[in-house]
Amino acid sequence: MSLETDRLPEYLALGVRVHAIDREQAIAEMQKRIRSGGRGSYVALAGMHALGEARKDPQFRDVLNKAFLAVPDGMPLVWLARFHRIPLSQRVSGSELMCEFCETTAGKFRHFFYGGAAGVAEELAANLAARYGIVIAGMYSPPFRPLQPEEVVQLQQRISESSPDILWVGLGAPKQEKWMAEFGPQLGVPLMVGVGAAFDMNTGRLSRAPQWMQASGLEWLYRLLQDPGRLWKRYLITIPEAAWAIALEMMGLKKFREADRAMKTP
């Protein structure tokens, strides 16, 4: 783990290291990482869905633990931080993190948007540039399949020529985190951020739940009702299984061996 994040409060959930920080702290750390001149660092959203996927997929769990930041996306992760006696007040959702980072940094950095259906990245870039005055380096909506070798070369060239400081990735978990871990070293971008549905939310294609539902941890129900055909397994199987496993962990009835290794991940 880098010295830059050693001082940040963190806790373990199902073997995944979660940084117990709010959006303001996350944005400050992101700016420092960009300015440090490094390459290939990435930020992951550690929500209940991600934890559920990581519980079943050791490779994905390793990807999360190698993230520069794994931020608490969802009220259950905030409540879990409080269980560990860390006074966390807010979650860090992808859509809010994207907007607040753009608002806070305005024209300081060059942004590249990777993800979404055809035309979404372009619309998102235009919206954020108009609202916050950010500098657009480029955008690309990839096909819904793995990139072919020649497409990877073209993407590398496109990103290299545009020289972005930050690359926003909207592919959904666990695809986006695995993508960042695999391609980050090749692309040479200082920082990548996996923001999931933020591309659709920040273009108005998806609406956010009312504030009271967000604060009470019920945004999952709002999203399930929006798209039950695609999300039923996530919210009715994967996340409840993860919640039960976390409850067993909190009661000391089950210990995840992966947790011991997670704290030692560089």
Protein backbone atom coordinates (compact mmCIF):
# COMPACT_ATOMS: atom_id res chain seq x y z
CA MET A 1 0.00 0.00 0.00
CA SER A 2 1.33 3.42 -0.90
CA LEU A 3 2.54 5.80 1.75
CA GLU A 4 -0.01 8.33 0.49
CA THR A 5 -2.91 6.26 1.79
CA ASP A 6 -1.24 4.76 4.90
CA ARG A 7 -2.83 7.38 7.15
CA LEU A 8 -6.36 6.90 5.85
CA PRO A 9 -8.79 4.98 8.08
CA GLU A 10 -9.72 1.59 6.68
CA TYR A 11 -11.49 -1.61 7.60
CA LEU A 12 -11.94 -5.08 6.15
CA ALA A 13 -15.13 -6.56 4.76
CA LEU A 14 -15.05 -10.12 3.40
CA GLY A 15 -11.32 -9.80 2.82
CA VAL A 16 -11.60 -6.47 0.97
CA ARG A 17 -9.83 -3.39 2.31
CA VAL A 18 -12.23 -0.42 2.31
CA HIS A 19 -10.96 3.12 2.87
CA ALA A 20 -13.41 4.76 5.28
CA ILE A 21 -13.32 8.23 3.73
CA ASP A 22 -15.90 10.70 2.43
CA ARG A 23 -16.05 12.37 -0.99
CA GLU A 24 -14.00 15.39 0.07
CA GLN A 25 -11.16 13.18 1.30
CA ALA A 26 -11.36 10.98 -1.78
CA ILE A 27 -11.13 13.99 -4.10
CA ALA A 28 -8.13 15.34 -2.20
CA GLU A 29 -6.33 11.99 -2.45
CA MET A 30 -7.18 11.70 -6.14
CA GLN A 31 -5.68 15.10 -6.87
CA LYS A 32 -2.50 14.23 -5.02
CA ARG A 33 -2.16 10.98 -6.92
CA ILE A 34 -2.57 12.71 -10.29
CA ARG A 35 0.01 15.32 -9.40
CA SER A 36 2.48 12.72 -8.12
CA GLY A 37 3.27 11.75 -11.70
CA GLY A 38 2.50 8.06 -11.25
CA ARG A 39 0.81 5.85 -13.81
CA GLY A 40 -1.89 3.18 -13.70
CA SER A 41 -3.47 3.88 -10.29
CA TYR A 42 -7.20 3.28 -9.99
CA VAL A 43 -10.11 4.02 -7.65
CA ALA A 44 -12.73 1.31 -7.03
CA LEU A 45 -16.22 1.68 -5.60
CA ALA A 46 -16.50 -0.89 -2.81
CA GLY A 47 -20.25 -1.37 -2.59
CA MET A 48 -22.22 -4.40 -1.47
CA HIS A 49 -22.43 -5.70 -5.02
CA ALA A 50 -18.65 -5.49 -5.40
CA LEU A 51 -18.13 -7.26 -2.08
CA GLY A 52 -20.58 -9.97 -3.11
CA GLU A 53 -18.72 -10.53 -6.38
CA ALA A 54 -15.35 -10.47 -4.61
CA ARG A 55 -16.54 -13.09 -2.11
CA LYS A 56 -16.97 -15.55 -4.99
CA ASP A 57 -14.08 -14.37 -7.18
CA PRO A 58 -10.59 -14.27 -5.60
CA GLN A 59 -9.17 -12.56 -8.69
CA PHE A 60 -11.65 -9.70 -8.35
CA ARG A 61 -10.96 -9.47 -4.62
CA ASP A 62 -7.27 -9.10 -5.41
CA VAL A 63 -8.07 -6.35 -7.93
CA LEU A 64 -10.04 -4.43 -5.31
CA ASN A 65 -7.25 -4.76 -2.77
CA LYS A 66 -4.73 -3.39 -5.24
CA ALA A 67 -6.77 -0.24 -5.85
CA PHE A 68 -5.23 3.07 -4.86
CA LEU A 69 -8.54 3.78 -3.14
CA ALA A 70 -11.49 1.48 -2.48
CA VAL A 71 -14.21 3.84 -1.31
CA PRO A 72 -17.45 2.96 0.55
CA ASP A 73 -20.23 3.04 -2.06
CA GLY A 74 -23.49 2.57 -0.18
CA MET A 75 -24.94 3.19 3.26
CA PRO A 76 -24.28 -0.40 4.44
CA LEU A 77 -20.56 0.33 4.00
CA VAL A 78 -20.96 3.52 6.05
CA TRP A 79 -22.74 1.57 8.80
CA LEU A 80 -20.02 -1.05 8.69
CA ALA A 81 -17.37 1.65 9.17
CA ARG A 82 -19.24 2.85 12.24
CA PHE A 83 -19.33 -0.73 13.54
CA HIS A 84 -15.53 -0.58 13.34
CA ARG A 85 -15.67 2.69 15.32
CA ILE A 86 -14.78 4.90 12.38
CA PRO A 87 -17.12 7.95 12.39
CA LEU A 88 -17.94 7.99 8.67
CA SER A 89 -20.79 10.33 7.73
CA GLN A 90 -21.39 9.71 4.03
CA ARG A 91 -20.98 7.17 1.28
CA VAL A 92 -19.03 7.78 -1.92
CA SER A 93 -21.21 7.05 -4.95
CA GLY A 94 -19.78 7.15 -8.46
CA SER A 95 -22.16 9.79 -9.83
CA GLU A 96 -21.59 12.19 -6.92
CA LEU A 97 -17.84 11.60 -6.86
CA MET A 98 -17.60 12.40 -10.58
CA CYS A 99 -19.61 15.61 -10.32
CA GLU A 100 -17.90 16.87 -7.16
CA PHE A 101 -14.44 16.11 -8.53
CA CYS A 102 -15.25 18.06 -11.70
CA GLU A 103 -16.73 20.94 -9.72
CA THR A 104 -13.81 21.08 -7.27
CA THR A 105 -11.03 20.87 -9.85
CA ALA A 106 -12.78 22.65 -12.76
CA GLY A 107 -10.18 23.15 -15.52
CA LYS A 108 -7.15 21.79 -13.67
CA PHE A 109 -7.07 18.35 -15.29
CA ARG A 110 -7.72 16.67 -18.61
CA HIS A 111 -10.59 14.14 -18.56
CA PHE A 112 -11.18 11.05 -20.71
CA PHE A 113 -14.50 9.14 -20.58
CA TYR A 114 -14.50 5.41 -21.40
CA GLY A 115 -17.73 3.43 -21.28
CA GLY A 116 -21.45 3.61 -21.75
CA ALA A 117 -23.60 2.82 -24.76
CA ALA A 118 -23.00 4.54 -28.09
CA GLY A 119 -23.12 8.31 -27.67
CA VAL A 120 -23.29 8.31 -23.86
CA ALA A 121 -19.62 9.20 -23.26
CA GLU A 122 -19.89 12.10 -25.70
CA GLU A 123 -23.04 13.43 -24.04
CA LEU A 124 -21.55 13.03 -20.56
CA ALA A 125 -18.37 14.88 -21.53
CA ALA A 126 -20.38 17.74 -23.06
CA ASN A 127 -22.65 18.01 -20.01
CA LEU A 128 -19.79 18.11 -17.50
CA ALA A 129 -17.79 20.56 -19.59
CA ALA A 130 -20.78 22.90 -19.79
CA ARG A 131 -21.55 22.62 -16.06
CA TYR A 132 -18.06 22.71 -14.56
CA GLY A 133 -15.68 23.96 -17.24
CA ILE A 134 -13.57 20.81 -17.29
CA VAL A 135 -11.09 20.10 -20.08
CA ILE A 136 -12.09 17.17 -22.28
CA ALA A 137 -9.21 15.03 -23.51
CA GLY A 138 -11.38 12.43 -25.23
CA MET A 139 -14.12 9.85 -24.98
CA TYR A 140 -14.84 6.35 -26.25
CA SER A 141 -17.81 3.98 -25.99
CA PRO A 142 -16.39 0.45 -26.37
CA PRO A 143 -18.29 -2.48 -27.90
CA PHE A 144 -20.07 -4.89 -25.54
CA ARG A 145 -17.38 -7.54 -25.95
CA PRO A 146 -13.66 -7.86 -25.16
CA LEU A 147 -11.47 -5.58 -27.24
CA GLN A 148 -9.55 -7.20 -30.07
CA PRO A 149 -5.73 -6.78 -30.02
CA GLU A 150 -5.85 -4.19 -32.79
CA GLU A 151 -8.56 -2.28 -30.92
CA VAL A 152 -6.40 -2.22 -27.80
CA VAL A 153 -3.54 -0.73 -29.84
CA GLN A 154 -5.88 1.90 -31.29
CA LEU A 155 -7.20 2.77 -27.83
CA GLN A 156 -3.67 3.08 -26.45
CA GLN A 157 -2.76 5.43 -29.28
CA ARG A 158 -5.92 7.46 -28.83
CA ILE A 159 -5.36 7.91 -25.11
CA SER A 160 -1.63 8.56 -25.52
CA GLU A 161 -2.28 11.32 -28.04
CA SER A 162 -4.95 12.97 -25.85
CA SER A 163 -2.78 12.85 -22.65
CA PRO A 164 -5.55 12.69 -20.03
CA ASP A 165 -4.87 13.12 -16.33
CA ILE A 166 -7.91 11.12 -15.28
CA LEU A 167 -9.82 8.36 -17.03
CA TRP A 168 -13.43 7.76 -15.98
CA VAL A 169 -14.51 4.15 -16.63
CA GLY A 170 -18.19 3.23 -16.80
CA LEU A 171 -18.37 -0.51 -17.52
CA GLY A 172 -19.99 -1.76 -14.30
CA ALA A 173 -18.49 -4.02 -11.63
CA PRO A 174 -16.55 -6.25 -11.77
CA LYS A 175 -15.77 -5.60 -15.43
CA GLN A 176 -14.51 -2.03 -14.97
CA GLU A 177 -12.17 -2.85 -12.07
CA LYS A 178 -10.65 -5.79 -13.91
CA TRP A 179 -10.28 -3.61 -16.99
CA MET A 180 -8.45 -0.90 -15.05
CA ALA A 181 -6.13 -3.42 -13.41
CA GLU A 182 -5.31 -5.04 -16.76
CA PHE A 183 -4.96 -2.02 -19.01
CA GLY A 184 -3.87 0.67 -16.54
CA PRO A 185 -0.13 -0.08 -16.81
CA GLN A 186 -0.38 -0.07 -20.62
CA LEU A 187 -2.37 3.17 -20.96
CA GLY A 188 -0.12 5.27 -18.74
CA VAL A 189 -2.90 7.48 -17.35
CA PRO A 190 -2.11 8.85 -13.87
CA LEU A 191 -5.50 7.87 -12.41
CA MET A 192 -8.54 5.83 -13.45
CA VAL A 193 -11.88 5.78 -11.62
CA GLY A 194 -14.51 3.06 -12.05
CA VAL A 195 -17.88 4.76 -11.66
CA GLY A 196 -20.39 2.18 -12.91
CA ALA A 197 -23.81 3.64 -13.65
CA ALA A 198 -22.58 7.23 -13.22
CA PHE A 199 -22.40 7.62 -17.00
CA ASP A 200 -26.15 7.01 -17.29
CA MET A 201 -27.05 8.90 -14.11
CA ASN A 202 -25.09 12.01 -15.02
CA THR A 203 -26.65 12.14 -18.47
CA GLY A 204 -30.16 11.67 -17.12
CA ARG A 205 -30.68 8.21 -18.56
CA LEU A 206 -31.07 6.86 -15.04
CA SER A 207 -32.64 8.81 -12.19
CA ARG A 208 -31.36 8.81 -8.63
CA ALA A 209 -33.50 7.62 -5.76
CA PRO A 210 -35.08 10.27 -3.50
CA GLN A 211 -32.71 11.51 -0.82
CA TRP A 212 -34.62 9.74 1.97
CA MET A 213 -34.16 6.40 0.20
CA GLN A 214 -30.44 7.06 -0.28
CA ALA A 215 -29.96 7.99 3.39
CA SER A 216 -31.88 4.96 4.64
CA GLY A 217 -30.02 2.49 2.44
CA LEU A 218 -32.99 1.83 0.14
CA GLU A 219 -31.59 3.08 -3.14
CA TRP A 220 -31.16 -0.56 -4.14
CA LEU A 221 -34.95 -0.95 -4.15
CA TYR A 222 -35.37 2.12 -6.35
CA ARG A 223 -32.84 0.80 -8.84
CA LEU A 224 -34.35 -2.68 -8.79
CA LEU A 225 -37.75 -1.25 -9.67
CA GLN A 226 -36.16 0.71 -12.52
CA ASP A 227 -34.55 -2.32 -14.14
CA PRO A 228 -35.74 -5.58 -12.55
CA GLY A 229 -34.84 -7.77 -15.52
CA ARG A 230 -31.15 -6.90 -15.31
CA LEU A 231 -30.70 -6.24 -11.59
CA TRP A 232 -32.84 -8.87 -9.84
CA LYS A 233 -29.96 -11.30 -9.33
CA ARG A 234 -27.69 -8.56 -7.95
CA TYR A 235 -30.18 -7.26 -5.39
CA LEU A 236 -32.04 -10.44 -4.51
CA ILE A 237 -29.19 -12.97 -4.47
CA THR A 238 -25.63 -11.57 -4.64
CA ILE A 239 -26.05 -8.72 -2.16
CA PRO A 240 -28.14 -10.64 0.42
CA GLU A 241 -25.54 -13.42 0.37
CA ALA A 242 -22.79 -10.85 0.96
CA ALA A 243 -24.79 -9.20 3.76
CA TRP A 244 -25.23 -12.58 5.49
CA ALA A 245 -21.51 -13.32 5.18
CA ILE A 246 -20.67 -9.90 6.65
CA ALA A 247 -23.07 -10.53 9.54
CA LEU A 248 -21.32 -13.82 10.30
CA GLU A 249 -17.98 -12.02 10.16
CA MET A 250 -19.18 -9.27 12.52
CA MET A 251 -20.43 -11.86 15.01
CA GLY A 252 -17.13 -13.70 14.86
CA LEU A 253 -18.76 -16.84 13.49
CA LYS A 254 -16.76 -16.88 10.26
CA LYS A 255 -13.30 -15.64 9.42
CA PHE A 256 -12.23 -14.91 5.89
CA ARG A 257 -8.60 -15.89 5.42
CA GLU A 258 -8.30 -13.46 2.55
CA ALA A 259 -8.60 -10.64 5.08
CA ASP A 260 -5.17 -11.39 6.48
CA ARG A 261 -3.59 -11.01 3.06
CA ALA A 262 -5.59 -7.92 2.17
CA MET A 263 -3.87 -5.75 4.76
CA LYS A 264 -0.50 -6.70 3.30
CA THR A 265 -1.36 -5.86 -0.30
CA PRO A 266 1.13 -3.30 -1.66
